Amino acid sequence: MENRDRELIEALGKTGNSSLLVNVIATRIRQLFRGARPLLKKTDGLSAIDIALKEFNGGKIGYRSRHGA
């Protein structure tokens, strides 16, 4: 299994909701494209999606529910 696949499966397990995961990762990718610095020490050879997934799985980024759930 490819590394990105493992990262996706882990991230989906943390959210339990694929739509939520897409929104969180897409938001972070936009931030990275707009110049935000990665929150990882090593990013050599990683794409923006790989960085965002690793940040999410590492607890460096997350989300808050609007409904207090």
N, C-alpha and C. Protein backbone atom coordinates (compact mmCIF):
# COMPACT_ATOMS: atom_id res chain seq x y z
N MET A 1 0.84 -1.18 0.00
CA MET A 1 0.00 0.00 0.00
C MET A 1 0.89 1.25 0.00
N GLU A 2 0.52 2.18 -0.79
CA GLU A 2 1.27 3.42 -0.93
C GLU A 2 1.17 4.25 0.35
N ASN A 3 2.19 5.06 0.62
CA ASN A 3 2.22 5.87 1.82
C ASN A 3 1.02 6.82 1.90
N ARG A 4 0.66 7.45 0.78
CA ARG A 4 -0.48 8.37 0.79
C ARG A 4 -1.77 7.63 1.14
N ASP A 5 -1.92 6.41 0.64
CA ASP A 5 -3.11 5.62 0.96
C ASP A 5 -3.20 5.37 2.46
N ARG A 6 -2.07 5.05 3.07
CA ARG A 6 -2.04 4.84 4.53
C ARG A 6 -2.42 6.10 5.27
N GLU A 7 -1.88 7.23 4.81
CA GLU A 7 -2.20 8.52 5.43
C GLU A 7 -3.69 8.82 5.31
N LEU A 8 -4.26 8.57 4.13
CA LEU A 8 -5.69 8.81 3.92
C LEU A 8 -6.55 7.93 4.82
N ILE A 9 -6.21 6.68 4.93
CA ILE A 9 -6.98 5.75 5.77
C ILE A 9 -6.90 6.18 7.23
N GLU A 10 -5.72 6.56 7.67
CA GLU A 10 -5.56 7.03 9.05
C GLU A 10 -6.39 8.29 9.30
N ALA A 11 -6.32 9.24 8.37
CA ALA A 11 -7.06 10.49 8.52
C ALA A 11 -8.57 10.24 8.51
N LEU A 12 -9.03 9.37 7.64
CA LEU A 12 -10.45 9.07 7.59
C LEU A 12 -10.92 8.42 8.89
N GLY A 13 -10.07 7.59 9.46
CA GLY A 13 -10.40 6.98 10.74
C GLY A 13 -10.53 8.00 11.85
N LYS A 14 -9.80 9.10 11.75
CA LYS A 14 -9.87 10.15 12.78
C LYS A 14 -11.12 11.00 12.64
N THR A 15 -11.61 11.18 11.41
CA THR A 15 -12.79 12.02 11.21
C THR A 15 -14.05 11.19 11.11
N GLY A 16 -13.96 10.04 10.46
CA GLY A 16 -15.14 9.22 10.23
C GLY A 16 -16.08 9.80 9.20
N ASN A 17 -15.63 10.86 8.52
CA ASN A 17 -16.49 11.56 7.57
C ASN A 17 -15.62 12.04 6.42
N SER A 18 -15.80 11.46 5.26
CA SER A 18 -14.94 11.79 4.12
C SER A 18 -15.13 13.23 3.65
N SER A 19 -16.35 13.76 3.71
CA SER A 19 -16.58 15.15 3.30
C SER A 19 -15.85 16.12 4.21
N LEU A 20 -15.90 15.86 5.50
CA LEU A 20 -15.19 16.70 6.46
C LEU A 20 -13.69 16.65 6.21
N LEU A 21 -13.17 15.46 5.99
CA LEU A 21 -11.75 15.30 5.73
C LEU A 21 -11.33 16.07 4.49
N VAL A 22 -12.10 15.96 3.42
CA VAL A 22 -11.78 16.69 2.18
C VAL A 22 -11.72 18.18 2.45
N ASN A 23 -12.68 18.70 3.20
CA ASN A 23 -12.70 20.13 3.49
C ASN A 23 -11.52 20.57 4.33
N VAL A 24 -11.16 19.80 5.33
CA VAL A 24 -10.02 20.15 6.18
C VAL A 24 -8.73 20.15 5.37
N ILE A 25 -8.52 19.09 4.59
CA ILE A 25 -7.28 18.97 3.81
C ILE A 25 -7.24 20.02 2.71
N ALA A 26 -8.36 20.26 2.03
CA ALA A 26 -8.39 21.26 0.96
C ALA A 26 -8.09 22.66 1.50
N THR A 27 -8.63 22.97 2.67
CA THR A 27 -8.36 24.27 3.29
C THR A 27 -6.88 24.43 3.58
N ARG A 28 -6.27 23.37 4.11
CA ARG A 28 -4.84 23.45 4.43
C ARG A 28 -3.99 23.54 3.17
N ILE A 29 -4.37 22.84 2.12
CA ILE A 29 -3.63 22.91 0.85
C ILE A 29 -3.68 24.34 0.30
N ARG A 30 -4.86 24.96 0.36
CA ARG A 30 -4.96 26.36 -0.09
C ARG A 30 -4.04 27.26 0.73
N GLN A 31 -3.99 27.05 2.03
CA GLN A 31 -3.11 27.84 2.88
C GLN A 31 -1.65 27.66 2.47
N LEU A 32 -1.26 26.44 2.20
CA LEU A 32 0.12 26.16 1.79
C LEU A 32 0.43 26.82 0.45
N PHE A 33 -0.50 26.75 -0.49
CA PHE A 33 -0.29 27.38 -1.80
C PHE A 33 -0.19 28.89 -1.68
N ARG A 34 -0.85 29.45 -0.69
CA ARG A 34 -0.83 30.90 -0.48
C ARG A 34 0.36 31.36 0.36
N GLY A 35 1.23 30.42 0.70
CA GLY A 35 2.47 30.80 1.37
C GLY A 35 2.60 30.42 2.83
N ALA A 36 1.61 29.74 3.40
CA ALA A 36 1.74 29.29 4.78
C ALA A 36 2.90 28.31 4.90
N ARG A 37 3.59 28.38 5.99
CA ARG A 37 4.71 27.46 6.19
C ARG A 37 4.21 26.10 6.68
N PRO A 38 4.81 25.04 6.18
CA PRO A 38 4.45 23.71 6.67
C PRO A 38 4.77 23.59 8.16
N LEU A 39 3.97 22.80 8.85
CA LEU A 39 4.16 22.57 10.28
C LEU A 39 4.99 21.33 10.56
N LEU A 40 5.61 20.79 9.51
CA LEU A 40 6.46 19.61 9.62
C LEU A 40 7.92 20.03 9.52
N LYS A 41 8.79 19.27 10.16
CA LYS A 41 10.22 19.58 10.09
C LYS A 41 10.80 19.23 8.73
N LYS A 42 10.38 18.08 8.18
CA LYS A 42 10.91 17.63 6.88
C LYS A 42 9.78 17.56 5.87
N THR A 43 9.95 18.29 4.77
CA THR A 43 8.94 18.27 3.71
C THR A 43 9.56 17.99 2.35
N ASP A 44 10.83 17.63 2.33
CA ASP A 44 11.52 17.36 1.07
C ASP A 44 10.78 16.31 0.25
N GLY A 45 10.43 16.67 -0.97
CA GLY A 45 9.81 15.73 -1.89
C GLY A 45 8.33 15.49 -1.63
N LEU A 46 7.73 16.17 -0.67
CA LEU A 46 6.32 15.98 -0.38
C LEU A 46 5.47 17.00 -1.13
N SER A 47 4.34 16.55 -1.62
CA SER A 47 3.39 17.47 -2.25
C SER A 47 2.57 18.15 -1.16
N ALA A 48 1.80 19.16 -1.55
CA ALA A 48 0.96 19.87 -0.59
C ALA A 48 -0.05 18.93 0.07
N ILE A 49 -0.60 18.00 -0.69
CA ILE A 49 -1.57 17.07 -0.09
C ILE A 49 -0.90 16.15 0.92
N ASP A 50 0.31 15.71 0.62
CA ASP A 50 1.03 14.86 1.55
C ASP A 50 1.37 15.62 2.83
N ILE A 51 1.76 16.87 2.69
CA ILE A 51 2.06 17.70 3.87
C ILE A 51 0.80 17.87 4.70
N ALA A 52 -0.30 18.22 4.06
CA ALA A 52 -1.56 18.44 4.78
C ALA A 52 -2.02 17.17 5.50
N LEU A 53 -1.92 16.03 4.85
CA LEU A 53 -2.32 14.78 5.49
C LEU A 53 -1.43 14.45 6.68
N LYS A 54 -0.13 14.62 6.52
CA LYS A 54 0.79 14.35 7.63
C LYS A 54 0.55 15.31 8.79
N GLU A 55 0.27 16.57 8.48
CA GLU A 55 -0.03 17.54 9.54
C GLU A 55 -1.30 17.14 10.29
N PHE A 56 -2.33 16.73 9.54
CA PHE A 56 -3.58 16.33 10.16
C PHE A 56 -3.38 15.10 11.04
N ASN A 57 -2.74 14.08 10.49
CA ASN A 57 -2.54 12.84 11.25
C ASN A 57 -1.62 13.04 12.44
N GLY A 58 -0.73 14.03 12.35
CA GLY A 58 0.18 14.32 13.46
C GLY A 58 -0.42 15.25 14.50
N GLY A 59 -1.67 15.65 14.31
CA GLY A 59 -2.33 16.51 15.27
C GLY A 59 -1.92 17.97 15.20
N LYS A 60 -1.26 18.35 14.12
CA LYS A 60 -0.81 19.73 13.97
C LYS A 60 -1.90 20.65 13.40
N ILE A 61 -2.87 20.06 12.71
CA ILE A 61 -4.05 20.80 12.26
C ILE A 61 -5.26 19.96 12.61
N GLY A 62 -6.40 20.60 12.67
CA GLY A 62 -7.62 19.88 13.01
C GLY A 62 -8.83 20.66 12.56
N TYR A 63 -9.92 20.45 13.24
CA TYR A 63 -11.17 21.12 12.90
C TYR A 63 -12.00 21.26 14.17
N ARG A 64 -12.93 22.19 14.12
CA ARG A 64 -13.89 22.36 15.22
C ARG A 64 -15.29 22.24 14.65
N SER A 65 -16.15 21.58 15.37
CA SER A 65 -17.53 21.44 14.94
C SER A 65 -18.29 22.72 15.23
N ARG A 66 -19.09 23.15 14.29
CA ARG A 66 -19.93 24.33 14.50
C ARG A 66 -21.09 24.03 15.43
N HIS A 67 -21.39 22.77 15.59
CA HIS A 67 -22.56 22.37 16.38
C HIS A 67 -22.19 21.90 17.78
N GLY A 68 -20.94 22.09 18.16
CA GLY A 68 -20.50 21.71 19.50
C GLY A 68 -20.45 20.22 19.74
N ALA A 69 -20.49 19.43 18.69
CA ALA A 69 -20.46 17.97 18.84
C ALA A 69 -19.06 17.45 19.02
